[in-house]
Amino acid sequence: IIKKQHDHKEFQVGFLALNKKGESGAYSISKGFEYAQYAENKNELIKS
């Protein structure tokens, strides 16, 4: 997005992914994106 869209500094986009091993991860253009994860009986908020 950053490479293709010159106005990327004006907005936020975040992606959150989960694979078949149960590994999760996230990333966003700007700071502030968080995601909630419930695993191994623990529900927590994680910063991207």
All heavy atoms as atom14 arrays in JSON, in Angstrom:
{
  "sequence": "IIKKQHDHKEFQVGFLALNKKGESGAYSISKGFEYAQYAENKNELIKS",
  "atom14_mask": [
    [1, 1, 1, 1, 1, 1, 1, 1, 0, 0, 0, 0, 0, 0],
    [1, 1, 1, 1, 1, 1, 1, 1, 0, 0, 0, 0, 0, 0],
    [1, 1, 1, 1, 1, 1, 1, 1, 1, 0, 0, 0, 0, 0],
    [1, 1, 1, 1, 1, 1, 1, 1, 1, 0, 0, 0, 0, 0],
    [1, 1, 1, 1, 1, 1, 1, 1, 1, 0, 0, 0, 0, 0],
    [1, 1, 1, 1, 1, 1, 1, 1, 1, 1, 0, 0, 0, 0],
    [1, 1, 1, 1, 1, 1, 1, 1, 0, 0, 0, 0, 0, 0],
    [1, 1, 1, 1, 1, 1, 1, 1, 1, 1, 0, 0, 0, 0],
    [1, 1, 1, 1, 1, 1, 1, 1, 1, 0, 0, 0, 0, 0],
    [1, 1, 1, 1, 1, 1, 1, 1, 1, 0, 0, 0, 0, 0],
    [1, 1, 1, 1, 1, 1, 1, 1, 1, 1, 1, 0, 0, 0],
    [1, 1, 1, 1, 1, 1, 1, 1, 1, 0, 0, 0, 0, 0],
    [1, 1, 1, 1, 1, 1, 1, 0, 0, 0, 0, 0, 0, 0],
    [1, 1, 1, 1, 0, 0, 0, 0, 0, 0, 0, 0, 0, 0],
    [1, 1, 1, 1, 1, 1, 1, 1, 1, 1, 1, 0, 0, 0],
    [1, 1, 1, 1, 1, 1, 1, 1, 0, 0, 0, 0, 0, 0],
    [1, 1, 1, 1, 1, 0, 0, 0, 0, 0, 0, 0, 0, 0],
    [1, 1, 1, 1, 1, 1, 1, 1, 0, 0, 0, 0, 0, 0],
    [1, 1, 1, 1, 1, 1, 1, 1, 0, 0, 0, 0, 0, 0],
    [1, 1, 1, 1, 1, 1, 1, 1, 1, 0, 0, 0, 0, 0],
    [1, 1, 1, 1, 1, 1, 1, 1, 1, 0, 0, 0, 0, 0],
    [1, 1, 1, 1, 0, 0, 0, 0, 0, 0, 0, 0, 0, 0],
    [1, 1, 1, 1, 1, 1, 1, 1, 1, 0, 0, 0, 0, 0],
    [1, 1, 1, 1, 1, 1, 0, 0, 0, 0, 0, 0, 0, 0],
    [1, 1, 1, 1, 0, 0, 0, 0, 0, 0, 0, 0, 0, 0],
    [1, 1, 1, 1, 1, 0, 0, 0, 0, 0, 0, 0, 0, 0],
    [1, 1, 1, 1, 1, 1, 1, 1, 1, 1, 1, 1, 0, 0],
    [1, 1, 1, 1, 1, 1, 0, 0, 0, 0, 0, 0, 0, 0],
    [1, 1, 1, 1, 1, 1, 1, 1, 0, 0, 0, 0, 0, 0],
    [1, 1, 1, 1, 1, 1, 0, 0, 0, 0, 0, 0, 0, 0],
    [1, 1, 1, 1, 1, 1, 1, 1, 1, 0, 0, 0, 0, 0],
    [1, 1, 1, 1, 0, 0, 0, 0, 0, 0, 0, 0, 0, 0],
    [1, 1, 1, 1, 1, 1, 1, 1, 1, 1, 1, 0, 0, 0],
    [1, 1, 1, 1, 1, 1, 1, 1, 1, 0, 0, 0, 0, 0],
    [1, 1, 1, 1, 1, 1, 1, 1, 1, 1, 1, 1, 0, 0],
    [1, 1, 1, 1, 1, 0, 0, 0, 0, 0, 0, 0, 0, 0],
    [1, 1, 1, 1, 1, 1, 1, 1, 1, 0, 0, 0, 0, 0],
    [1, 1, 1, 1, 1, 1, 1, 1, 1, 1, 1, 1, 0, 0],
    [1, 1, 1, 1, 1, 0, 0, 0, 0, 0, 0, 0, 0, 0],
    [1, 1, 1, 1, 1, 1, 1, 1, 1, 0, 0, 0, 0, 0],
    [1, 1, 1, 1, 1, 1, 1, 1, 0, 0, 0, 0, 0, 0],
    [1, 1, 1, 1, 1, 1, 1, 1, 1, 0, 0, 0, 0, 0],
    [1, 1, 1, 1, 1, 1, 1, 1, 0, 0, 0, 0, 0, 0],
    [1, 1, 1, 1, 1, 1, 1, 1, 1, 0, 0, 0, 0, 0],
    [1, 1, 1, 1, 1, 1, 1, 1, 0, 0, 0, 0, 0, 0],
    [1, 1, 1, 1, 1, 1, 1, 1, 0, 0, 0, 0, 0, 0],
    [1, 1, 1, 1, 1, 1, 1, 1, 1, 0, 0, 0, 0, 0],
    [1, 1, 1, 1, 1, 1, 0, 0, 0, 0, 0, 0, 0, 0]
  ],
  "atom14_positions": [
    [[0.83, -1.2, 0.0], [0.0, 0.0, 0.0], [0.87, 1.25, 0.0], [0.63, 2.2, -0.76], [-0.95, 0.0, 1.22], [-2.01, -1.1, 1.07], [-1.62, 1.37, 1.39], [-2.92, -1.25, 2.26], [0.0, 0.0, 0.0], [0.0, 0.0, 0.0], [0.0, 0.0, 0.0], [0.0, 0.0, 0.0], [0.0, 0.0, 0.0], [0.0, 0.0, 0.0]],
    [[1.88, 1.26, 0.85], [2.76, 2.43, 0.95], [3.45, 2.7, -0.39], [3.6, 3.85, -0.81], [3.79, 2.22, 2.07], [3.09, 2.26, 3.44], [4.9, 3.27, 2.0], [3.99, 1.86, 4.59], [0.0, 0.0, 0.0], [0.0, 0.0, 0.0], [0.0, 0.0, 0.0], [0.0, 0.0, 0.0], [0.0, 0.0, 0.0], [0.0, 0.0, 0.0]],
    [[3.86, 1.65, -1.07], [4.55, 1.79, -2.35], [3.61, 2.28, -3.45], [4.0, 3.12, -4.28], [5.18, 0.46, -2.75], [5.91, 0.49, -4.09], [6.48, -0.88, -4.43], [7.19, -0.84, -5.78], [7.74, -2.19, -6.15], [0.0, 0.0, 0.0], [0.0, 0.0, 0.0], [0.0, 0.0, 0.0], [0.0, 0.0, 0.0], [0.0, 0.0, 0.0]],
    [[2.38, 1.78, -3.45], [1.47, 2.03, -4.56], [0.57, 3.25, -4.37], [0.08, 3.81, -5.36], [0.58, 0.81, -4.79], [1.32, -0.47, -5.18], [1.83, -0.42, -6.6], [2.41, -1.76, -7.02], [2.89, -1.72, -8.43], [0.0, 0.0, 0.0], [0.0, 0.0, 0.0], [0.0, 0.0, 0.0], [0.0, 0.0, 0.0], [0.0, 0.0, 0.0]],
    [[0.34, 3.65, -3.12], [-0.65, 4.7, -2.86], [0.01, 5.89, -2.18], [0.34, 5.84, -0.99], [-1.79, 4.11, -2.01], [-2.47, 2.94, -2.73], [-3.61, 2.31, -1.94], [-4.37, 3.0, -1.28], [-3.74, 1.0, -2.04], [0.0, 0.0, 0.0], [0.0, 0.0, 0.0], [0.0, 0.0, 0.0], [0.0, 0.0, 0.0], [0.0, 0.0, 0.0]],
    [[0.2, 6.95, -2.94], [1.01, 8.08, -2.5], [0.42, 8.82, -1.31], [1.13, 9.53, -0.58], [1.2, 9.07, -3.66], [-0.08, 9.69, -4.14], [-0.61, 10.81, -3.56], [-0.95, 9.32, -5.11], [-1.74, 11.14, -4.17], [-1.98, 10.25, -5.11], [0.0, 0.0, 0.0], [0.0, 0.0, 0.0], [0.0, 0.0, 0.0], [0.0, 0.0, 0.0]],
    [[-0.89, 8.69, -1.06], [-1.53, 9.4, 0.03], [-1.62, 8.58, 1.31], [-2.42, 8.88, 2.2], [-2.94, 9.85, -0.39], [-3.83, 8.67, -0.76], [-3.3, 7.58, -1.06], [-5.07, 8.85, -0.76], [0.0, 0.0, 0.0], [0.0, 0.0, 0.0], [0.0, 0.0, 0.0], [0.0, 0.0, 0.0], [0.0, 0.0, 0.0], [0.0, 0.0, 0.0]],
    [[-0.79, 7.55, 1.45], [-0.91, 6.6, 2.56], [-0.72, 7.25, 3.93], [-1.16, 6.7, 4.94], [0.1, 5.46, 2.39], [1.53, 5.9, 2.44], [2.22, 6.28, 1.3], [2.39, 6.06, 3.47], [3.45, 6.63, 1.63], [3.58, 6.51, 2.95], [0.0, 0.0, 0.0], [0.0, 0.0, 0.0], [0.0, 0.0, 0.0], [0.0, 0.0, 0.0]],
    [[-0.07, 8.4, 3.99], [0.14, 9.07, 5.29], [-1.14, 9.69, 5.83], [-1.2, 10.09, 6.99], [1.23, 10.13, 5.16], [2.62, 9.56, 4.9], [3.67, 10.65, 4.86], [5.06, 10.08, 4.61], [6.1, 11.13, 4.55], [0.0, 0.0, 0.0], [0.0, 0.0, 0.0], [0.0, 0.0, 0.0], [0.0, 0.0, 0.0], [0.0, 0.0, 0.0]],
    [[-2.16, 9.76, 4.99], [-3.41, 10.39, 5.38], [-4.42, 9.42, 5.96], [-5.51, 9.82, 6.38], [-4.03, 11.11, 4.17], [-3.15, 12.2, 3.6], [-3.72, 12.79, 2.32], [-4.87, 12.43, 1.97], [-3.03, 13.6, 1.67], [0.0, 0.0, 0.0], [0.0, 0.0, 0.0], [0.0, 0.0, 0.0], [0.0, 0.0, 0.0], [0.0, 0.0, 0.0]],
    [[-4.12, 8.13, 5.97], [-5.09, 7.15, 6.46], [-4.39, 5.99, 7.15], [-3.17, 5.87, 7.11], [-5.98, 6.63, 5.32], [-5.23, 5.98, 4.18], [-4.82, 4.65, 4.26], [-4.95, 6.68, 3.02], [-4.13, 4.03, 3.23], [-4.27, 6.08, 1.96], [-3.87, 4.75, 2.07], [0.0, 0.0, 0.0], [0.0, 0.0, 0.0], [0.0, 0.0, 0.0]],
    [[-5.18, 5.16, 7.79], [-4.68, 3.97, 8.47], [-5.23, 2.7, 7.8], [-6.39, 2.67, 7.36], [-5.1, 3.99, 9.94], [-4.84, 2.71, 10.73], [-3.37, 2.5, 11.07], [-2.53, 2.49, 10.17], [-3.07, 2.32, 12.35], [0.0, 0.0, 0.0], [0.0, 0.0, 0.0], [0.0, 0.0, 0.0], [0.0, 0.0, 0.0], [0.0, 0.0, 0.0]],
    [[-4.4, 1.7, 7.71], [-4.8, 0.34, 7.32], [-4.03, -0.64, 8.2], [-2.82, -0.46, 8.41], [-4.53, 0.03, 5.83], [-4.64, -1.47, 5.55], [-5.5, 0.78, 4.93], [0.0, 0.0, 0.0], [0.0, 0.0, 0.0], [0.0, 0.0, 0.0], [0.0, 0.0, 0.0], [0.0, 0.0, 0.0], [0.0, 0.0, 0.0], [0.0, 0.0, 0.0]],
    [[-4.72, -1.63, 8.69], [-4.06, -2.69, 9.45], [-4.53, -4.05, 8.97], [-5.68, -4.21, 8.59], [0.0, 0.0, 0.0], [0.0, 0.0, 0.0], [0.0, 0.0, 0.0], [0.0, 0.0, 0.0], [0.0, 0.0, 0.0], [0.0, 0.0, 0.0], [0.0, 0.0, 0.0], [0.0, 0.0, 0.0], [0.0, 0.0, 0.0], [0.0, 0.0, 0.0]],
    [[-3.61, -5.01, 8.99], [-3.94, -6.39, 8.65], [-3.66, -7.29, 9.85], [-2.7, -7.07, 10.58], [-3.12, -6.89, 7.46], [-3.44, -6.2, 6.16], [-2.58, -5.23, 5.64], [-4.59, -6.52, 5.46], [-2.87, -4.6, 4.44], [-4.89, -5.89, 4.26], [-4.03, -4.93, 3.75], [0.0, 0.0, 0.0], [0.0, 0.0, 0.0], [0.0, 0.0, 0.0]],
    [[-4.49, -8.3, 10.02], [-4.34, -9.3, 11.07], [-4.44, -10.67, 10.42], [-5.36, -10.9, 9.63], [-5.42, -9.14, 12.13], [-5.6, -10.26, 13.16], [-4.34, -10.43, 14.0], [-6.81, -9.95, 14.05], [0.0, 0.0, 0.0], [0.0, 0.0, 0.0], [0.0, 0.0, 0.0], [0.0, 0.0, 0.0], [0.0, 0.0, 0.0], [0.0, 0.0, 0.0]],
    [[-3.52, -11.57, 10.73], [-3.5, -12.88, 10.08], [-3.31, -14.0, 11.1], [-2.72, -13.81, 12.17], [-2.39, -12.94, 9.03], [0.0, 0.0, 0.0], [0.0, 0.0, 0.0], [0.0, 0.0, 0.0], [0.0, 0.0, 0.0], [0.0, 0.0, 0.0], [0.0, 0.0, 0.0], [0.0, 0.0, 0.0], [0.0, 0.0, 0.0], [0.0, 0.0, 0.0]],
    [[-3.79, -15.18, 10.72], [-3.68, -16.38, 11.55], [-3.39, -17.56, 10.63], [-4.08, -17.74, 9.62], [-5.0, -16.63, 12.29], [-5.12, -17.88, 13.17], [-4.18, -17.79, 14.37], [-6.57, -18.07, 13.62], [0.0, 0.0, 0.0], [0.0, 0.0, 0.0], [0.0, 0.0, 0.0], [0.0, 0.0, 0.0], [0.0, 0.0, 0.0], [0.0, 0.0, 0.0]],
    [[-2.34, -18.33, 10.94], [-2.05, -19.48, 10.09], [-2.5, -20.79, 10.73], [-3.03, -20.81, 11.84], [-0.57, -19.52, 9.69], [0.37, -19.78, 10.88], [-0.04, -20.25, 11.94], [1.65, -19.49, 10.69], [0.0, 0.0, 0.0], [0.0, 0.0, 0.0], [0.0, 0.0, 0.0], [0.0, 0.0, 0.0], [0.0, 0.0, 0.0], [0.0, 0.0, 0.0]],
    [[-2.28, -21.89, 10.04], [-2.78, -23.19, 10.47], [-2.08, -23.72, 11.71], [-2.58, -24.63, 12.37], [-2.66, -24.2, 9.33], [-3.61, -23.96, 8.18], [-5.02, -24.42, 8.51], [-5.13, -25.93, 8.43], [-6.53, -26.39, 8.61], [0.0, 0.0, 0.0], [0.0, 0.0, 0.0], [0.0, 0.0, 0.0], [0.0, 0.0, 0.0], [0.0, 0.0, 0.0]],
    [[-0.91, -23.17, 12.05], [-0.22, -23.58, 13.27], [-0.78, -22.88, 14.5], [-0.38, -23.17, 15.62], [1.27, -23.25, 13.16], [2.04, -24.04, 12.13], [3.5, -23.61, 12.16], [4.32, -24.3, 11.1], [5.74, -23.83, 11.12], [0.0, 0.0, 0.0], [0.0, 0.0, 0.0], [0.0, 0.0, 0.0], [0.0, 0.0, 0.0], [0.0, 0.0, 0.0]],
    [[-1.68, -21.91, 14.27], [-2.17, -21.12, 15.38], [-1.26, -19.95, 15.7], [-1.31, -19.39, 16.79], [0.0, 0.0, 0.0], [0.0, 0.0, 0.0], [0.0, 0.0, 0.0], [0.0, 0.0, 0.0], [0.0, 0.0, 0.0], [0.0, 0.0, 0.0], [0.0, 0.0, 0.0], [0.0, 0.0, 0.0], [0.0, 0.0, 0.0], [0.0, 0.0, 0.0]],
    [[-0.44, -19.53, 14.73], [0.42, -18.36, 14.89], [-0.32, -17.14, 14.35], [-0.92, -17.2, 13.27], [1.73, -18.55, 14.12], [2.57, -19.72, 14.62], [3.73, -20.04, 13.69], [3.65, -19.73, 12.49], [4.72, -20.62, 14.19], [0.0, 0.0, 0.0], [0.0, 0.0, 0.0], [0.0, 0.0, 0.0], [0.0, 0.0, 0.0], [0.0, 0.0, 0.0]],
    [[-0.28, -16.05, 15.09], [-0.95, -14.84, 14.66], [0.06, -13.71, 14.5], [1.18, -13.77, 15.02], [-2.02, -14.42, 15.66], [-1.42, -14.04, 16.9], [0.0, 0.0, 0.0], [0.0, 0.0, 0.0], [0.0, 0.0, 0.0], [0.0, 0.0, 0.0], [0.0, 0.0, 0.0], [0.0, 0.0, 0.0], [0.0, 0.0, 0.0], [0.0, 0.0, 0.0]],
    [[-0.34, -12.68, 13.79], [0.51, -11.51, 13.62], [-0.26, -10.4, 12.95], [-1.26, -10.64, 12.26], [0.0, 0.0, 0.0], [0.0, 0.0, 0.0], [0.0, 0.0, 0.0], [0.0, 0.0, 0.0], [0.0, 0.0, 0.0], [0.0, 0.0, 0.0], [0.0, 0.0, 0.0], [0.0, 0.0, 0.0], [0.0, 0.0, 0.0], [0.0, 0.0, 0.0]],
    [[0.19, -9.17, 13.15], [-0.5, -8.01, 12.58], [0.51, -6.92, 12.25], [1.63, -6.9, 12.77], [-1.52, -7.48, 13.57], [0.0, 0.0, 0.0], [0.0, 0.0, 0.0], [0.0, 0.0, 0.0], [0.0, 0.0, 0.0], [0.0, 0.0, 0.0], [0.0, 0.0, 0.0], [0.0, 0.0, 0.0], [0.0, 0.0, 0.0], [0.0, 0.0, 0.0]],
    [[0.08, -6.03, 11.37], [0.94, -4.91, 10.98], [0.04, -3.8, 10.44], [-0.98, -4.07, 9.82], [1.96, -5.33, 9.92], [3.25, -4.55, 9.97], [4.3, -4.96, 10.79], [3.43, -3.39, 9.22], [5.49, -4.25, 10.85], [4.62, -2.67, 9.28], [5.64, -3.11, 10.1], [6.83, -2.39, 10.18], [0.0, 0.0, 0.0], [0.0, 0.0, 0.0]],
    [[0.44, -2.54, 10.66], [-0.37, -1.42, 10.2], [0.52, -0.29, 9.69], [1.72, -0.25, 9.98], [-1.27, -0.9, 11.32], [-0.51, -0.48, 12.44], [0.0, 0.0, 0.0], [0.0, 0.0, 0.0], [0.0, 0.0, 0.0], [0.0, 0.0, 0.0], [0.0, 0.0, 0.0], [0.0, 0.0, 0.0], [0.0, 0.0, 0.0], [0.0, 0.0, 0.0]],
    [[-0.09, 0.62, 8.96], [0.66, 1.76, 8.42], [1.16, 2.64, 9.56], [2.33, 3.01, 9.61], [-0.23, 2.58, 7.46], [-0.56, 1.77, 6.21], [0.48, 3.88, 7.07], [-1.51, 2.49, 5.25], [0.0, 0.0, 0.0], [0.0, 0.0, 0.0], [0.0, 0.0, 0.0], [0.0, 0.0, 0.0], [0.0, 0.0, 0.0], [0.0, 0.0, 0.0]],
    [[0.27, 2.98, 10.48], [0.61, 3.86, 11.6], [0.5, 3.11, 12.92], [-0.16, 2.08, 13.0], [-0.35, 5.06, 11.63], [-0.34, 5.76, 10.4], [0.0, 0.0, 0.0], [0.0, 0.0, 0.0], [0.0, 0.0, 0.0], [0.0, 0.0, 0.0], [0.0, 0.0, 0.0], [0.0, 0.0, 0.0], [0.0, 0.0, 0.0], [0.0, 0.0, 0.0]],
    [[1.12, 3.65, 13.94], [1.02, 3.06, 15.26], [-0.42, 3.16, 15.77], [-1.18, 4.02, 15.36], [1.96, 3.76, 16.24], [3.43, 3.53, 15.95], [4.3, 4.26, 16.97], [5.78, 4.01, 16.7], [6.65, 4.71, 17.69], [0.0, 0.0, 0.0], [0.0, 0.0, 0.0], [0.0, 0.0, 0.0], [0.0, 0.0, 0.0], [0.0, 0.0, 0.0]],
    [[-0.78, 2.25, 16.68], [-2.09, 2.34, 17.31], [-2.99, 1.14, 17.07], [-3.95, 0.93, 17.82], [0.0, 0.0, 0.0], [0.0, 0.0, 0.0], [0.0, 0.0, 0.0], [0.0, 0.0, 0.0], [0.0, 0.0, 0.0], [0.0, 0.0, 0.0], [0.0, 0.0, 0.0], [0.0, 0.0, 0.0], [0.0, 0.0, 0.0], [0.0, 0.0, 0.0]],
    [[-2.7, 0.35, 16.04], [-3.55, -0.81, 15.76], [-3.26, -1.92, 16.76], [-2.12, -2.31, 16.98], [-3.3, -1.3, 14.33], [-4.05, -2.56, 13.97], [-5.36, -2.76, 14.39], [-3.45, -3.55, 13.21], [-6.06, -3.92, 14.07], [-4.13, -4.72, 12.88], [-5.43, -4.9, 13.31], [0.0, 0.0, 0.0], [0.0, 0.0, 0.0], [0.0, 0.0, 0.0]],
    [[-4.33, -2.41, 17.38], [-4.24, -3.51, 18.34], [-5.19, -4.63, 17.94], [-6.19, -4.38, 17.28], [-4.62, -3.03, 19.74], [-3.74, -1.92, 20.29], [-4.26, -1.37, 21.6], [-5.47, -1.08, 21.67], [-3.47, -1.24, 22.55], [0.0, 0.0, 0.0], [0.0, 0.0, 0.0], [0.0, 0.0, 0.0], [0.0, 0.0, 0.0], [0.0, 0.0, 0.0]],
    [[-4.85, -5.83, 18.35], [-5.78, -6.94, 18.13], [-5.91, -7.78, 19.38], [-5.01, -7.84, 20.21], [-5.35, -7.79, 16.93], [-4.11, -8.63, 17.09], [-4.19, -9.98, 17.45], [-2.84, -8.11, 16.83], [-3.06, -10.77, 17.56], [-1.7, -8.89, 16.93], [-1.82, -10.22, 17.3], [-0.7, -11.0, 17.41], [0.0, 0.0, 0.0], [0.0, 0.0, 0.0]],
    [[-7.08, -8.41, 19.5], [-7.38, -9.25, 20.65], [-7.11, -10.7, 20.29], [-7.5, -11.16, 19.21], [-8.83, -9.07, 21.07], [0.0, 0.0, 0.0], [0.0, 0.0, 0.0], [0.0, 0.0, 0.0], [0.0, 0.0, 0.0], [0.0, 0.0, 0.0], [0.0, 0.0, 0.0], [0.0, 0.0, 0.0], [0.0, 0.0, 0.0], [0.0, 0.0, 0.0]],
    [[-6.46, -11.42, 21.19], [-6.15, -12.84, 20.96], [-6.56, -13.66, 22.17], [-6.2, -13.34, 23.3], [-4.65, -13.02, 20.7], [-4.23, -14.48, 20.56], [-2.75, -14.62, 20.27], [-2.31, -14.42, 19.14], [-1.96, -14.95, 21.29], [0.0, 0.0, 0.0], [0.0, 0.0, 0.0], [0.0, 0.0, 0.0], [0.0, 0.0, 0.0], [0.0, 0.0, 0.0]],
    [[-7.32, -14.72, 21.9], [-7.7, -15.67, 22.94], [-7.06, -17.01, 22.59], [-7.42, -17.64, 21.61], [-9.21, -15.81, 23.04], [-9.73, -16.16, 24.42], [-10.88, -15.56, 24.92], [-9.07, -17.07, 25.24], [-11.37, -15.86, 26.19], [-9.53, -17.37, 26.5], [-10.69, -16.76, 26.97], [-11.15, -17.06, 28.22], [0.0, 0.0, 0.0], [0.0, 0.0, 0.0]],
    [[-6.1, -17.43, 23.41], [-5.41, -18.7, 23.19], [-4.91, -19.21, 24.53], [-4.54, -18.43, 25.41], [-4.23, -18.52, 22.23], [0.0, 0.0, 0.0], [0.0, 0.0, 0.0], [0.0, 0.0, 0.0], [0.0, 0.0, 0.0], [0.0, 0.0, 0.0], [0.0, 0.0, 0.0], [0.0, 0.0, 0.0], [0.0, 0.0, 0.0], [0.0, 0.0, 0.0]],
    [[-4.91, -20.54, 24.68], [-4.4, -21.16, 25.9], [-5.04, -20.54, 27.14], [-4.38, -20.23, 28.13], [-2.87, -21.06, 25.93], [-2.23, -21.8, 24.74], [-0.74, -21.55, 24.62], [-0.27, -20.52, 25.13], [-0.04, -22.39, 24.02], [0.0, 0.0, 0.0], [0.0, 0.0, 0.0], [0.0, 0.0, 0.0], [0.0, 0.0, 0.0], [0.0, 0.0, 0.0]],
    [[-6.37, -20.34, 27.04], [-7.18, -19.82, 28.15], [-6.8, -18.4, 28.57], [-7.07, -18.0, 29.71], [-7.12, -20.76, 29.36], [-7.77, -22.1, 29.06], [-8.89, -22.16, 28.56], [-7.05, -23.19, 29.35], [0.0, 0.0, 0.0], [0.0, 0.0, 0.0], [0.0, 0.0, 0.0], [0.0, 0.0, 0.0], [0.0, 0.0, 0.0], [0.0, 0.0, 0.0]],
    [[-6.21, -17.63, 27.68], [-5.84, -16.26, 27.98], [-6.33, -15.33, 26.88], [-6.01, -15.51, 25.71], [-4.32, -16.15, 28.13], [-3.85, -14.75, 28.54], [-2.33, -14.73, 28.67], [-1.82, -13.35, 29.08], [-0.34, -13.3, 29.19], [0.0, 0.0, 0.0], [0.0, 0.0, 0.0], [0.0, 0.0, 0.0], [0.0, 0.0, 0.0], [0.0, 0.0, 0.0]],
    [[-7.09, -14.32, 27.27], [-7.61, -13.32, 26.33], [-6.84, -12.03, 26.56], [-6.86, -11.46, 27.66], [-9.1, -13.11, 26.59], [-9.8, -12.36, 25.46], [-9.27, -12.22, 24.36], [-11.0, -11.87, 25.74], [0.0, 0.0, 0.0], [0.0, 0.0, 0.0], [0.0, 0.0, 0.0], [0.0, 0.0, 0.0], [0.0, 0.0, 0.0], [0.0, 0.0, 0.0]],
    [[-6.12, -11.55, 25.55], [-5.26, -10.37, 25.73], [-5.28, -9.48, 24.52], [-5.6, -9.89, 23.4], [-3.82, -10.82, 26.02], [-3.21, -11.67, 24.92], [-1.82, -12.18, 25.28], [-1.13, -11.51, 26.07], [-1.43, -13.24, 24.76], [0.0, 0.0, 0.0], [0.0, 0.0, 0.0], [0.0, 0.0, 0.0], [0.0, 0.0, 0.0], [0.0, 0.0, 0.0]],
    [[-4.92, -8.22, 24.75], [-4.81, -7.24, 23.68], [-3.34, -7.08, 23.31], [-2.49, -6.88, 24.18], [-5.38, -5.9, 24.16], [-5.75, -4.87, 23.11], [-6.83, -5.4, 22.17], [-6.23, -3.58, 23.78], [0.0, 0.0, 0.0], [0.0, 0.0, 0.0], [0.0, 0.0, 0.0], [0.0, 0.0, 0.0], [0.0, 0.0, 0.0], [0.0, 0.0, 0.0]],
    [[-3.06, -7.19, 22.0], [-1.68, -7.19, 21.53], [-1.49, -6.04, 20.54], [-2.32, -5.84, 19.64], [-1.34, -8.52, 20.84], [-1.51, -9.68, 21.83], [0.08, -8.51, 20.27], [-1.37, -11.06, 21.2], [0.0, 0.0, 0.0], [0.0, 0.0, 0.0], [0.0, 0.0, 0.0], [0.0, 0.0, 0.0], [0.0, 0.0, 0.0], [0.0, 0.0, 0.0]],
    [[-0.41, -5.29, 20.69], [-0.1, -4.22, 19.76], [0.49, -4.79, 18.47], [1.32, -5.67, 18.53], [0.87, -3.22, 20.39], [0.27, -2.42, 21.53], [1.27, -1.39, 22.05], [0.65, -0.57, 23.17], [1.59, 0.45, 23.69], [0.0, 0.0, 0.0], [0.0, 0.0, 0.0], [0.0, 0.0, 0.0], [0.0, 0.0, 0.0], [0.0, 0.0, 0.0]],
    [[0.06, -4.24, 17.34], [0.6, -4.72, 16.06], [2.03, -4.23, 15.91], [2.43, -3.25, 16.56], [-0.25, -4.21, 14.91], [-0.17, -2.82, 14.8], [0.0, 0.0, 0.0], [0.0, 0.0, 0.0], [0.0, 0.0, 0.0], [0.0, 0.0, 0.0], [0.0, 0.0, 0.0], [0.0, 0.0, 0.0], [0.0, 0.0, 0.0], [0.0, 0.0, 0.0]]
  ]
}
